[in-house]
Structure formats: structure tokens, C-alpha cells
Amino acid sequence: YAETRMRTFQSSEYMLVYAPFIWG
């Protein structure tokens, strides 16, 4: 998986993309 986040004191934006076993 790949995950990325941008956050401040007031806000947070998070995204995770997970490929368990095939393709993507």
C-alpha cells in the first residue's frame, strides 16, 4: 500500500491506496 497525508493544526487530508494481492 501507499499512503500520504498533509496536515496542519486545524486540518488533515489523508489518502491510502491498498492492493492486497492482484493488479492495482
PDBML (XML) file of the C-alpha atoms, coordinates in Angstrom:
<?xml version="1.0" encoding="UTF-8" ?>
<PDBx:datablock datablockName="MODEL"
   xmlns:PDBx="http://pdbml.pdb.org/schema/pdbx-v50.xsd"
   xmlns:xsi="http://www.w3.org/2001/XMLSchema-instance"
   xsi:schemaLocation="http://pdbml.pdb.org/schema/pdbx-v50.xsd pdbx-v50.xsd">
   <PDBx:atom_siteCategory>
      <PDBx:atom_site id="1">
         <PDBx:B_iso_or_equiv>0.00</PDBx:B_iso_or_equiv>
         <PDBx:Cartn_x>0.000</PDBx:Cartn_x>
         <PDBx:Cartn_y>0.000</PDBx:Cartn_y>
         <PDBx:Cartn_z>0.000</PDBx:Cartn_z>
         <PDBx:auth_asym_id>A</PDBx:auth_asym_id>
         <PDBx:auth_atom_id>CA</PDBx:auth_atom_id>
         <PDBx:auth_comp_id>TYR</PDBx:auth_comp_id>
         <PDBx:auth_seq_id>1</PDBx:auth_seq_id>
         <PDBx:group_PDB>ATOM</PDBx:group_PDB>
         <PDBx:label_alt_id xsi:nil="true" />
         <PDBx:label_asym_id>A</PDBx:label_asym_id>
         <PDBx:label_atom_id>CA</PDBx:label_atom_id>
         <PDBx:label_comp_id>TYR</PDBx:label_comp_id>
         <PDBx:label_entity_id>1</PDBx:label_entity_id>
         <PDBx:label_seq_id>1</PDBx:label_seq_id>
         <PDBx:occupancy>1.00</PDBx:occupancy>
         <PDBx:pdbx_PDB_model_num>1</PDBx:pdbx_PDB_model_num>
         <PDBx:type_symbol>C</PDBx:type_symbol>
      </PDBx:atom_site>
      <PDBx:atom_site id="2">
         <PDBx:B_iso_or_equiv>0.00</PDBx:B_iso_or_equiv>
         <PDBx:Cartn_x>0.860</PDBx:Cartn_x>
         <PDBx:Cartn_y>3.660</PDBx:Cartn_y>
         <PDBx:Cartn_z>-0.332</PDBx:Cartn_z>
         <PDBx:auth_asym_id>A</PDBx:auth_asym_id>
         <PDBx:auth_atom_id>CA</PDBx:auth_atom_id>
         <PDBx:auth_comp_id>ALA</PDBx:auth_comp_id>
         <PDBx:auth_seq_id>2</PDBx:auth_seq_id>
         <PDBx:group_PDB>ATOM</PDBx:group_PDB>
         <PDBx:label_alt_id xsi:nil="true" />
         <PDBx:label_asym_id>A</PDBx:label_asym_id>
         <PDBx:label_atom_id>CA</PDBx:label_atom_id>
         <PDBx:label_comp_id>ALA</PDBx:label_comp_id>
         <PDBx:label_entity_id>1</PDBx:label_entity_id>
         <PDBx:label_seq_id>2</PDBx:label_seq_id>
         <PDBx:occupancy>1.00</PDBx:occupancy>
         <PDBx:pdbx_PDB_model_num>1</PDBx:pdbx_PDB_model_num>
         <PDBx:type_symbol>C</PDBx:type_symbol>
      </PDBx:atom_site>
      <PDBx:atom_site id="3">
         <PDBx:B_iso_or_equiv>0.00</PDBx:B_iso_or_equiv>
         <PDBx:Cartn_x>-0.439</PDBx:Cartn_x>
         <PDBx:Cartn_y>6.350</PDBx:Cartn_y>
         <PDBx:Cartn_z>1.999</PDBx:Cartn_z>
         <PDBx:auth_asym_id>A</PDBx:auth_asym_id>
         <PDBx:auth_atom_id>CA</PDBx:auth_atom_id>
         <PDBx:auth_comp_id>GLU</PDBx:auth_comp_id>
         <PDBx:auth_seq_id>3</PDBx:auth_seq_id>
         <PDBx:group_PDB>ATOM</PDBx:group_PDB>
         <PDBx:label_alt_id xsi:nil="true" />
         <PDBx:label_asym_id>A</PDBx:label_asym_id>
         <PDBx:label_atom_id>CA</PDBx:label_atom_id>
         <PDBx:label_comp_id>GLU</PDBx:label_comp_id>
         <PDBx:label_entity_id>1</PDBx:label_entity_id>
         <PDBx:label_seq_id>3</PDBx:label_seq_id>
         <PDBx:occupancy>1.00</PDBx:occupancy>
         <PDBx:pdbx_PDB_model_num>1</PDBx:pdbx_PDB_model_num>
         <PDBx:type_symbol>C</PDBx:type_symbol>
      </PDBx:atom_site>
      <PDBx:atom_site id="4">
         <PDBx:B_iso_or_equiv>0.00</PDBx:B_iso_or_equiv>
         <PDBx:Cartn_x>0.088</PDBx:Cartn_x>
         <PDBx:Cartn_y>10.071</PDBx:Cartn_y>
         <PDBx:Cartn_z>2.093</PDBx:Cartn_z>
         <PDBx:auth_asym_id>A</PDBx:auth_asym_id>
         <PDBx:auth_atom_id>CA</PDBx:auth_atom_id>
         <PDBx:auth_comp_id>THR</PDBx:auth_comp_id>
         <PDBx:auth_seq_id>4</PDBx:auth_seq_id>
         <PDBx:group_PDB>ATOM</PDBx:group_PDB>
         <PDBx:label_alt_id xsi:nil="true" />
         <PDBx:label_asym_id>A</PDBx:label_asym_id>
         <PDBx:label_atom_id>CA</PDBx:label_atom_id>
         <PDBx:label_comp_id>THR</PDBx:label_comp_id>
         <PDBx:label_entity_id>1</PDBx:label_entity_id>
         <PDBx:label_seq_id>4</PDBx:label_seq_id>
         <PDBx:occupancy>1.00</PDBx:occupancy>
         <PDBx:pdbx_PDB_model_num>1</PDBx:pdbx_PDB_model_num>
         <PDBx:type_symbol>C</PDBx:type_symbol>
      </PDBx:atom_site>
      <PDBx:atom_site id="5">
         <PDBx:B_iso_or_equiv>0.00</PDBx:B_iso_or_equiv>
         <PDBx:Cartn_x>-1.105</PDBx:Cartn_x>
         <PDBx:Cartn_y>12.890</PDBx:Cartn_y>
         <PDBx:Cartn_z>4.304</PDBx:Cartn_z>
         <PDBx:auth_asym_id>A</PDBx:auth_asym_id>
         <PDBx:auth_atom_id>CA</PDBx:auth_atom_id>
         <PDBx:auth_comp_id>ARG</PDBx:auth_comp_id>
         <PDBx:auth_seq_id>5</PDBx:auth_seq_id>
         <PDBx:group_PDB>ATOM</PDBx:group_PDB>
         <PDBx:label_alt_id xsi:nil="true" />
         <PDBx:label_asym_id>A</PDBx:label_asym_id>
         <PDBx:label_atom_id>CA</PDBx:label_atom_id>
         <PDBx:label_comp_id>ARG</PDBx:label_comp_id>
         <PDBx:label_entity_id>1</PDBx:label_entity_id>
         <PDBx:label_seq_id>5</PDBx:label_seq_id>
         <PDBx:occupancy>1.00</PDBx:occupancy>
         <PDBx:pdbx_PDB_model_num>1</PDBx:pdbx_PDB_model_num>
         <PDBx:type_symbol>C</PDBx:type_symbol>
      </PDBx:atom_site>
      <PDBx:atom_site id="6">
         <PDBx:B_iso_or_equiv>0.00</PDBx:B_iso_or_equiv>
         <PDBx:Cartn_x>-0.948</PDBx:Cartn_x>
         <PDBx:Cartn_y>16.662</PDBx:Cartn_y>
         <PDBx:Cartn_z>4.576</PDBx:Cartn_z>
         <PDBx:auth_asym_id>A</PDBx:auth_asym_id>
         <PDBx:auth_atom_id>CA</PDBx:auth_atom_id>
         <PDBx:auth_comp_id>MET</PDBx:auth_comp_id>
         <PDBx:auth_seq_id>6</PDBx:auth_seq_id>
         <PDBx:group_PDB>ATOM</PDBx:group_PDB>
         <PDBx:label_alt_id xsi:nil="true" />
         <PDBx:label_asym_id>A</PDBx:label_asym_id>
         <PDBx:label_atom_id>CA</PDBx:label_atom_id>
         <PDBx:label_comp_id>MET</PDBx:label_comp_id>
         <PDBx:label_entity_id>1</PDBx:label_entity_id>
         <PDBx:label_seq_id>6</PDBx:label_seq_id>
         <PDBx:occupancy>1.00</PDBx:occupancy>
         <PDBx:pdbx_PDB_model_num>1</PDBx:pdbx_PDB_model_num>
         <PDBx:type_symbol>C</PDBx:type_symbol>
      </PDBx:atom_site>
      <PDBx:atom_site id="7">
         <PDBx:B_iso_or_equiv>0.00</PDBx:B_iso_or_equiv>
         <PDBx:Cartn_x>-1.920</PDBx:Cartn_x>
         <PDBx:Cartn_y>18.187</PDBx:Cartn_y>
         <PDBx:Cartn_z>7.888</PDBx:Cartn_z>
         <PDBx:auth_asym_id>A</PDBx:auth_asym_id>
         <PDBx:auth_atom_id>CA</PDBx:auth_atom_id>
         <PDBx:auth_comp_id>ARG</PDBx:auth_comp_id>
         <PDBx:auth_seq_id>7</PDBx:auth_seq_id>
         <PDBx:group_PDB>ATOM</PDBx:group_PDB>
         <PDBx:label_alt_id xsi:nil="true" />
         <PDBx:label_asym_id>A</PDBx:label_asym_id>
         <PDBx:label_atom_id>CA</PDBx:label_atom_id>
         <PDBx:label_comp_id>ARG</PDBx:label_comp_id>
         <PDBx:label_entity_id>1</PDBx:label_entity_id>
         <PDBx:label_seq_id>7</PDBx:label_seq_id>
         <PDBx:occupancy>1.00</PDBx:occupancy>
         <PDBx:pdbx_PDB_model_num>1</PDBx:pdbx_PDB_model_num>
         <PDBx:type_symbol>C</PDBx:type_symbol>
      </PDBx:atom_site>
      <PDBx:atom_site id="8">
         <PDBx:B_iso_or_equiv>0.00</PDBx:B_iso_or_equiv>
         <PDBx:Cartn_x>-1.869</PDBx:Cartn_x>
         <PDBx:Cartn_y>21.393</PDBx:Cartn_y>
         <PDBx:Cartn_z>9.863</PDBx:Cartn_z>
         <PDBx:auth_asym_id>A</PDBx:auth_asym_id>
         <PDBx:auth_atom_id>CA</PDBx:auth_atom_id>
         <PDBx:auth_comp_id>THR</PDBx:auth_comp_id>
         <PDBx:auth_seq_id>8</PDBx:auth_seq_id>
         <PDBx:group_PDB>ATOM</PDBx:group_PDB>
         <PDBx:label_alt_id xsi:nil="true" />
         <PDBx:label_asym_id>A</PDBx:label_asym_id>
         <PDBx:label_atom_id>CA</PDBx:label_atom_id>
         <PDBx:label_comp_id>THR</PDBx:label_comp_id>
         <PDBx:label_entity_id>1</PDBx:label_entity_id>
         <PDBx:label_seq_id>8</PDBx:label_seq_id>
         <PDBx:occupancy>1.00</PDBx:occupancy>
         <PDBx:pdbx_PDB_model_num>1</PDBx:pdbx_PDB_model_num>
         <PDBx:type_symbol>C</PDBx:type_symbol>
      </PDBx:atom_site>
      <PDBx:atom_site id="9">
         <PDBx:B_iso_or_equiv>0.00</PDBx:B_iso_or_equiv>
         <PDBx:Cartn_x>-3.026</PDBx:Cartn_x>
         <PDBx:Cartn_y>22.329</PDBx:Cartn_y>
         <PDBx:Cartn_z>13.356</PDBx:Cartn_z>
         <PDBx:auth_asym_id>A</PDBx:auth_asym_id>
         <PDBx:auth_atom_id>CA</PDBx:auth_atom_id>
         <PDBx:auth_comp_id>PHE</PDBx:auth_comp_id>
         <PDBx:auth_seq_id>9</PDBx:auth_seq_id>
         <PDBx:group_PDB>ATOM</PDBx:group_PDB>
         <PDBx:label_alt_id xsi:nil="true" />
         <PDBx:label_asym_id>A</PDBx:label_asym_id>
         <PDBx:label_atom_id>CA</PDBx:label_atom_id>
         <PDBx:label_comp_id>PHE</PDBx:label_comp_id>
         <PDBx:label_entity_id>1</PDBx:label_entity_id>
         <PDBx:label_seq_id>9</PDBx:label_seq_id>
         <PDBx:occupancy>1.00</PDBx:occupancy>
         <PDBx:pdbx_PDB_model_num>1</PDBx:pdbx_PDB_model_num>
         <PDBx:type_symbol>C</PDBx:type_symbol>
      </PDBx:atom_site>
      <PDBx:atom_site id="10">
         <PDBx:B_iso_or_equiv>0.00</PDBx:B_iso_or_equiv>
         <PDBx:Cartn_x>-6.614</PDBx:Cartn_x>
         <PDBx:Cartn_y>22.573</PDBx:Cartn_y>
         <PDBx:Cartn_z>12.088</PDBx:Cartn_z>
         <PDBx:auth_asym_id>A</PDBx:auth_asym_id>
         <PDBx:auth_atom_id>CA</PDBx:auth_atom_id>
         <PDBx:auth_comp_id>GLN</PDBx:auth_comp_id>
         <PDBx:auth_seq_id>10</PDBx:auth_seq_id>
         <PDBx:group_PDB>ATOM</PDBx:group_PDB>
         <PDBx:label_alt_id xsi:nil="true" />
         <PDBx:label_asym_id>A</PDBx:label_asym_id>
         <PDBx:label_atom_id>CA</PDBx:label_atom_id>
         <PDBx:label_comp_id>GLN</PDBx:label_comp_id>
         <PDBx:label_entity_id>1</PDBx:label_entity_id>
         <PDBx:label_seq_id>10</PDBx:label_seq_id>
         <PDBx:occupancy>1.00</PDBx:occupancy>
         <PDBx:pdbx_PDB_model_num>1</PDBx:pdbx_PDB_model_num>
         <PDBx:type_symbol>C</PDBx:type_symbol>
      </PDBx:atom_site>
      <PDBx:atom_site id="11">
         <PDBx:B_iso_or_equiv>0.00</PDBx:B_iso_or_equiv>
         <PDBx:Cartn_x>-6.892</PDBx:Cartn_x>
         <PDBx:Cartn_y>20.330</PDBx:Cartn_y>
         <PDBx:Cartn_z>9.026</PDBx:Cartn_z>
         <PDBx:auth_asym_id>A</PDBx:auth_asym_id>
         <PDBx:auth_atom_id>CA</PDBx:auth_atom_id>
         <PDBx:auth_comp_id>SER</PDBx:auth_comp_id>
         <PDBx:auth_seq_id>11</PDBx:auth_seq_id>
         <PDBx:group_PDB>ATOM</PDBx:group_PDB>
         <PDBx:label_alt_id xsi:nil="true" />
         <PDBx:label_asym_id>A</PDBx:label_asym_id>
         <PDBx:label_atom_id>CA</PDBx:label_atom_id>
         <PDBx:label_comp_id>SER</PDBx:label_comp_id>
         <PDBx:label_entity_id>1</PDBx:label_entity_id>
         <PDBx:label_seq_id>11</PDBx:label_seq_id>
         <PDBx:occupancy>1.00</PDBx:occupancy>
         <PDBx:pdbx_PDB_model_num>1</PDBx:pdbx_PDB_model_num>
         <PDBx:type_symbol>C</PDBx:type_symbol>
      </PDBx:atom_site>
      <PDBx:atom_site id="12">
         <PDBx:B_iso_or_equiv>0.00</PDBx:B_iso_or_equiv>
         <PDBx:Cartn_x>-5.846</PDBx:Cartn_x>
         <PDBx:Cartn_y>16.887</PDBx:Cartn_y>
         <PDBx:Cartn_z>7.844</PDBx:Cartn_z>
         <PDBx:auth_asym_id>A</PDBx:auth_asym_id>
         <PDBx:auth_atom_id>CA</PDBx:auth_atom_id>
         <PDBx:auth_comp_id>SER</PDBx:auth_comp_id>
         <PDBx:auth_seq_id>12</PDBx:auth_seq_id>
         <PDBx:group_PDB>ATOM</PDBx:group_PDB>
         <PDBx:label_alt_id xsi:nil="true" />
         <PDBx:label_asym_id>A</PDBx:label_asym_id>
         <PDBx:label_atom_id>CA</PDBx:label_atom_id>
         <PDBx:label_comp_id>SER</PDBx:label_comp_id>
         <PDBx:label_entity_id>1</PDBx:label_entity_id>
         <PDBx:label_seq_id>12</PDBx:label_seq_id>
         <PDBx:occupancy>1.00</PDBx:occupancy>
         <PDBx:pdbx_PDB_model_num>1</PDBx:pdbx_PDB_model_num>
         <PDBx:type_symbol>C</PDBx:type_symbol>
      </PDBx:atom_site>
      <PDBx:atom_site id="13">
         <PDBx:B_iso_or_equiv>0.00</PDBx:B_iso_or_equiv>
         <PDBx:Cartn_x>-6.102</PDBx:Cartn_x>
         <PDBx:Cartn_y>15.261</PDBx:Cartn_y>
         <PDBx:Cartn_z>4.405</PDBx:Cartn_z>
         <PDBx:auth_asym_id>A</PDBx:auth_asym_id>
         <PDBx:auth_atom_id>CA</PDBx:auth_atom_id>
         <PDBx:auth_comp_id>GLU</PDBx:auth_comp_id>
         <PDBx:auth_seq_id>13</PDBx:auth_seq_id>
         <PDBx:group_PDB>ATOM</PDBx:group_PDB>
         <PDBx:label_alt_id xsi:nil="true" />
         <PDBx:label_asym_id>A</PDBx:label_asym_id>
         <PDBx:label_atom_id>CA</PDBx:label_atom_id>
         <PDBx:label_comp_id>GLU</PDBx:label_comp_id>
         <PDBx:label_entity_id>1</PDBx:label_entity_id>
         <PDBx:label_seq_id>13</PDBx:label_seq_id>
         <PDBx:occupancy>1.00</PDBx:occupancy>
         <PDBx:pdbx_PDB_model_num>1</PDBx:pdbx_PDB_model_num>
         <PDBx:type_symbol>C</PDBx:type_symbol>
      </PDBx:atom_site>
      <PDBx:atom_site id="14">
         <PDBx:B_iso_or_equiv>0.00</PDBx:B_iso_or_equiv>
         <PDBx:Cartn_x>-5.215</PDBx:Cartn_x>
         <PDBx:Cartn_y>11.558</PDBx:Cartn_y>
         <PDBx:Cartn_z>4.235</PDBx:Cartn_z>
         <PDBx:auth_asym_id>A</PDBx:auth_asym_id>
         <PDBx:auth_atom_id>CA</PDBx:auth_atom_id>
         <PDBx:auth_comp_id>TYR</PDBx:auth_comp_id>
         <PDBx:auth_seq_id>14</PDBx:auth_seq_id>
         <PDBx:group_PDB>ATOM</PDBx:group_PDB>
         <PDBx:label_alt_id xsi:nil="true" />
         <PDBx:label_asym_id>A</PDBx:label_asym_id>
         <PDBx:label_atom_id>CA</PDBx:label_atom_id>
         <PDBx:label_comp_id>TYR</PDBx:label_comp_id>
         <PDBx:label_entity_id>1</PDBx:label_entity_id>
         <PDBx:label_seq_id>14</PDBx:label_seq_id>
         <PDBx:occupancy>1.00</PDBx:occupancy>
         <PDBx:pdbx_PDB_model_num>1</PDBx:pdbx_PDB_model_num>
         <PDBx:type_symbol>C</PDBx:type_symbol>
      </PDBx:atom_site>
      <PDBx:atom_site id="15">
         <PDBx:B_iso_or_equiv>0.00</PDBx:B_iso_or_equiv>
         <PDBx:Cartn_x>-5.289</PDBx:Cartn_x>
         <PDBx:Cartn_y>9.018</PDBx:Cartn_y>
         <PDBx:Cartn_z>1.407</PDBx:Cartn_z>
         <PDBx:auth_asym_id>A</PDBx:auth_asym_id>
         <PDBx:auth_atom_id>CA</PDBx:auth_atom_id>
         <PDBx:auth_comp_id>MET</PDBx:auth_comp_id>
         <PDBx:auth_seq_id>15</PDBx:auth_seq_id>
         <PDBx:group_PDB>ATOM</PDBx:group_PDB>
         <PDBx:label_alt_id xsi:nil="true" />
         <PDBx:label_asym_id>A</PDBx:label_asym_id>
         <PDBx:label_atom_id>CA</PDBx:label_atom_id>
         <PDBx:label_comp_id>MET</PDBx:label_comp_id>
         <PDBx:label_entity_id>1</PDBx:label_entity_id>
         <PDBx:label_seq_id>15</PDBx:label_seq_id>
         <PDBx:occupancy>1.00</PDBx:occupancy>
         <PDBx:pdbx_PDB_model_num>1</PDBx:pdbx_PDB_model_num>
         <PDBx:type_symbol>C</PDBx:type_symbol>
      </PDBx:atom_site>
      <PDBx:atom_site id="16">
         <PDBx:B_iso_or_equiv>0.00</PDBx:B_iso_or_equiv>
         <PDBx:Cartn_x>-4.484</PDBx:Cartn_x>
         <PDBx:Cartn_y>5.301</PDBx:Cartn_y>
         <PDBx:Cartn_z>1.422</PDBx:Cartn_z>
         <PDBx:auth_asym_id>A</PDBx:auth_asym_id>
         <PDBx:auth_atom_id>CA</PDBx:auth_atom_id>
         <PDBx:auth_comp_id>LEU</PDBx:auth_comp_id>
         <PDBx:auth_seq_id>16</PDBx:auth_seq_id>
         <PDBx:group_PDB>ATOM</PDBx:group_PDB>
         <PDBx:label_alt_id xsi:nil="true" />
         <PDBx:label_asym_id>A</PDBx:label_asym_id>
         <PDBx:label_atom_id>CA</PDBx:label_atom_id>
         <PDBx:label_comp_id>LEU</PDBx:label_comp_id>
         <PDBx:label_entity_id>1</PDBx:label_entity_id>
         <PDBx:label_seq_id>16</PDBx:label_seq_id>
         <PDBx:occupancy>1.00</PDBx:occupancy>
         <PDBx:pdbx_PDB_model_num>1</PDBx:pdbx_PDB_model_num>
         <PDBx:type_symbol>C</PDBx:type_symbol>
      </PDBx:atom_site>
      <PDBx:atom_site id="17">
         <PDBx:B_iso_or_equiv>0.00</PDBx:B_iso_or_equiv>
         <PDBx:Cartn_x>-4.398</PDBx:Cartn_x>
         <PDBx:Cartn_y>3.061</PDBx:Cartn_y>
         <PDBx:Cartn_z>-1.674</PDBx:Cartn_z>
         <PDBx:auth_asym_id>A</PDBx:auth_asym_id>
         <PDBx:auth_atom_id>CA</PDBx:auth_atom_id>
         <PDBx:auth_comp_id>VAL</PDBx:auth_comp_id>
         <PDBx:auth_seq_id>17</PDBx:auth_seq_id>
         <PDBx:group_PDB>ATOM</PDBx:group_PDB>
         <PDBx:label_alt_id xsi:nil="true" />
         <PDBx:label_asym_id>A</PDBx:label_asym_id>
         <PDBx:label_atom_id>CA</PDBx:label_atom_id>
         <PDBx:label_comp_id>VAL</PDBx:label_comp_id>
         <PDBx:label_entity_id>1</PDBx:label_entity_id>
         <PDBx:label_seq_id>17</PDBx:label_seq_id>
         <PDBx:occupancy>1.00</PDBx:occupancy>
         <PDBx:pdbx_PDB_model_num>1</PDBx:pdbx_PDB_model_num>
         <PDBx:type_symbol>C</PDBx:type_symbol>
      </PDBx:atom_site>
      <PDBx:atom_site id="18">
         <PDBx:B_iso_or_equiv>0.00</PDBx:B_iso_or_equiv>
         <PDBx:Cartn_x>-4.100</PDBx:Cartn_x>
         <PDBx:Cartn_y>-0.666</PDBx:Cartn_y>
         <PDBx:Cartn_z>-0.890</PDBx:Cartn_z>
         <PDBx:auth_asym_id>A</PDBx:auth_asym_id>
         <PDBx:auth_atom_id>CA</PDBx:auth_atom_id>
         <PDBx:auth_comp_id>TYR</PDBx:auth_comp_id>
         <PDBx:auth_seq_id>18</PDBx:auth_seq_id>
         <PDBx:group_PDB>ATOM</PDBx:group_PDB>
         <PDBx:label_alt_id xsi:nil="true" />
         <PDBx:label_asym_id>A</PDBx:label_asym_id>
         <PDBx:label_atom_id>CA</PDBx:label_atom_id>
         <PDBx:label_comp_id>TYR</PDBx:label_comp_id>
         <PDBx:label_entity_id>1</PDBx:label_entity_id>
         <PDBx:label_seq_id>18</PDBx:label_seq_id>
         <PDBx:occupancy>1.00</PDBx:occupancy>
         <PDBx:pdbx_PDB_model_num>1</PDBx:pdbx_PDB_model_num>
         <PDBx:type_symbol>C</PDBx:type_symbol>
      </PDBx:atom_site>
      <PDBx:atom_site id="19">
         <PDBx:B_iso_or_equiv>0.00</PDBx:B_iso_or_equiv>
         <PDBx:Cartn_x>-3.580</PDBx:Cartn_x>
         <PDBx:Cartn_y>-3.517</PDBx:Cartn_y>
         <PDBx:Cartn_z>-3.388</PDBx:Cartn_z>
         <PDBx:auth_asym_id>A</PDBx:auth_asym_id>
         <PDBx:auth_atom_id>CA</PDBx:auth_atom_id>
         <PDBx:auth_comp_id>ALA</PDBx:auth_comp_id>
         <PDBx:auth_seq_id>19</PDBx:auth_seq_id>
         <PDBx:group_PDB>ATOM</PDBx:group_PDB>
         <PDBx:label_alt_id xsi:nil="true" />
         <PDBx:label_asym_id>A</PDBx:label_asym_id>
         <PDBx:label_atom_id>CA</PDBx:label_atom_id>
         <PDBx:label_comp_id>ALA</PDBx:label_comp_id>
         <PDBx:label_entity_id>1</PDBx:label_entity_id>
         <PDBx:label_seq_id>19</PDBx:label_seq_id>
         <PDBx:occupancy>1.00</PDBx:occupancy>
         <PDBx:pdbx_PDB_model_num>1</PDBx:pdbx_PDB_model_num>
         <PDBx:type_symbol>C</PDBx:type_symbol>
      </PDBx:atom_site>
      <PDBx:atom_site id="20">
         <PDBx:B_iso_or_equiv>0.00</PDBx:B_iso_or_equiv>
         <PDBx:Cartn_x>-3.778</PDBx:Cartn_x>
         <PDBx:Cartn_y>-6.744</PDBx:Cartn_y>
         <PDBx:Cartn_z>-1.351</PDBx:Cartn_z>
         <PDBx:auth_asym_id>A</PDBx:auth_asym_id>
         <PDBx:auth_atom_id>CA</PDBx:auth_atom_id>
         <PDBx:auth_comp_id>PRO</PDBx:auth_comp_id>
         <PDBx:auth_seq_id>20</PDBx:auth_seq_id>
         <PDBx:group_PDB>ATOM</PDBx:group_PDB>
         <PDBx:label_alt_id xsi:nil="true" />
         <PDBx:label_asym_id>A</PDBx:label_asym_id>
         <PDBx:label_atom_id>CA</PDBx:label_atom_id>
         <PDBx:label_comp_id>PRO</PDBx:label_comp_id>
         <PDBx:label_entity_id>1</PDBx:label_entity_id>
         <PDBx:label_seq_id>20</PDBx:label_seq_id>
         <PDBx:occupancy>1.00</PDBx:occupancy>
         <PDBx:pdbx_PDB_model_num>1</PDBx:pdbx_PDB_model_num>
         <PDBx:type_symbol>C</PDBx:type_symbol>
      </PDBx:atom_site>
      <PDBx:atom_site id="21">
         <PDBx:B_iso_or_equiv>0.00</PDBx:B_iso_or_equiv>
         <PDBx:Cartn_x>-2.762</PDBx:Cartn_x>
         <PDBx:Cartn_y>-9.332</PDBx:Cartn_y>
         <PDBx:Cartn_z>-3.957</PDBx:Cartn_z>
         <PDBx:auth_asym_id>A</PDBx:auth_asym_id>
         <PDBx:auth_atom_id>CA</PDBx:auth_atom_id>
         <PDBx:auth_comp_id>PHE</PDBx:auth_comp_id>
         <PDBx:auth_seq_id>21</PDBx:auth_seq_id>
         <PDBx:group_PDB>ATOM</PDBx:group_PDB>
         <PDBx:label_alt_id xsi:nil="true" />
         <PDBx:label_asym_id>A</PDBx:label_asym_id>
         <PDBx:label_atom_id>CA</PDBx:label_atom_id>
         <PDBx:label_comp_id>PHE</PDBx:label_comp_id>
         <PDBx:label_entity_id>1</PDBx:label_entity_id>
         <PDBx:label_seq_id>21</PDBx:label_seq_id>
         <PDBx:occupancy>1.00</PDBx:occupancy>
         <PDBx:pdbx_PDB_model_num>1</PDBx:pdbx_PDB_model_num>
         <PDBx:type_symbol>C</PDBx:type_symbol>
      </PDBx:atom_site>
      <PDBx:atom_site id="22">
         <PDBx:B_iso_or_equiv>0.00</PDBx:B_iso_or_equiv>
         <PDBx:Cartn_x>-3.505</PDBx:Cartn_x>
         <PDBx:Cartn_y>-8.580</PDBx:Cartn_y>
         <PDBx:Cartn_z>-7.643</PDBx:Cartn_z>
         <PDBx:auth_asym_id>A</PDBx:auth_asym_id>
         <PDBx:auth_atom_id>CA</PDBx:auth_atom_id>
         <PDBx:auth_comp_id>ILE</PDBx:auth_comp_id>
         <PDBx:auth_seq_id>22</PDBx:auth_seq_id>
         <PDBx:group_PDB>ATOM</PDBx:group_PDB>
         <PDBx:label_alt_id xsi:nil="true" />
         <PDBx:label_asym_id>A</PDBx:label_asym_id>
         <PDBx:label_atom_id>CA</PDBx:label_atom_id>
         <PDBx:label_comp_id>ILE</PDBx:label_comp_id>
         <PDBx:label_entity_id>1</PDBx:label_entity_id>
         <PDBx:label_seq_id>22</PDBx:label_seq_id>
         <PDBx:occupancy>1.00</PDBx:occupancy>
         <PDBx:pdbx_PDB_model_num>1</PDBx:pdbx_PDB_model_num>
         <PDBx:type_symbol>C</PDBx:type_symbol>
      </PDBx:atom_site>
      <PDBx:atom_site id="23">
         <PDBx:B_iso_or_equiv>0.00</PDBx:B_iso_or_equiv>
         <PDBx:Cartn_x>-3.415</PDBx:Cartn_x>
         <PDBx:Cartn_y>-5.626</PDBx:Cartn_y>
         <PDBx:Cartn_z>-10.082</PDBx:Cartn_z>
         <PDBx:auth_asym_id>A</PDBx:auth_asym_id>
         <PDBx:auth_atom_id>CA</PDBx:auth_atom_id>
         <PDBx:auth_comp_id>TRP</PDBx:auth_comp_id>
         <PDBx:auth_seq_id>23</PDBx:auth_seq_id>
         <PDBx:group_PDB>ATOM</PDBx:group_PDB>
         <PDBx:label_alt_id xsi:nil="true" />
         <PDBx:label_asym_id>A</PDBx:label_asym_id>
         <PDBx:label_atom_id>CA</PDBx:label_atom_id>
         <PDBx:label_comp_id>TRP</PDBx:label_comp_id>
         <PDBx:label_entity_id>1</PDBx:label_entity_id>
         <PDBx:label_seq_id>23</PDBx:label_seq_id>
         <PDBx:occupancy>1.00</PDBx:occupancy>
         <PDBx:pdbx_PDB_model_num>1</PDBx:pdbx_PDB_model_num>
         <PDBx:type_symbol>C</PDBx:type_symbol>
      </PDBx:atom_site>
      <PDBx:atom_site id="24">
         <PDBx:B_iso_or_equiv>0.00</PDBx:B_iso_or_equiv>
         <PDBx:Cartn_x>-3.712</PDBx:Cartn_x>
         <PDBx:Cartn_y>-2.162</PDBx:Cartn_y>
         <PDBx:Cartn_z>-8.518</PDBx:Cartn_z>
         <PDBx:auth_asym_id>A</PDBx:auth_asym_id>
         <PDBx:auth_atom_id>CA</PDBx:auth_atom_id>
         <PDBx:auth_comp_id>GLY</PDBx:auth_comp_id>
         <PDBx:auth_seq_id>24</PDBx:auth_seq_id>
         <PDBx:group_PDB>ATOM</PDBx:group_PDB>
         <PDBx:label_alt_id xsi:nil="true" />
         <PDBx:label_asym_id>A</PDBx:label_asym_id>
         <PDBx:label_atom_id>CA</PDBx:label_atom_id>
         <PDBx:label_comp_id>GLY</PDBx:label_comp_id>
         <PDBx:label_entity_id>1</PDBx:label_entity_id>
         <PDBx:label_seq_id>24</PDBx:label_seq_id>
         <PDBx:occupancy>1.00</PDBx:occupancy>
         <PDBx:pdbx_PDB_model_num>1</PDBx:pdbx_PDB_model_num>
         <PDBx:type_symbol>C</PDBx:type_symbol>
      </PDBx:atom_site>
   </PDBx:atom_siteCategory>
</PDBx:datablock>
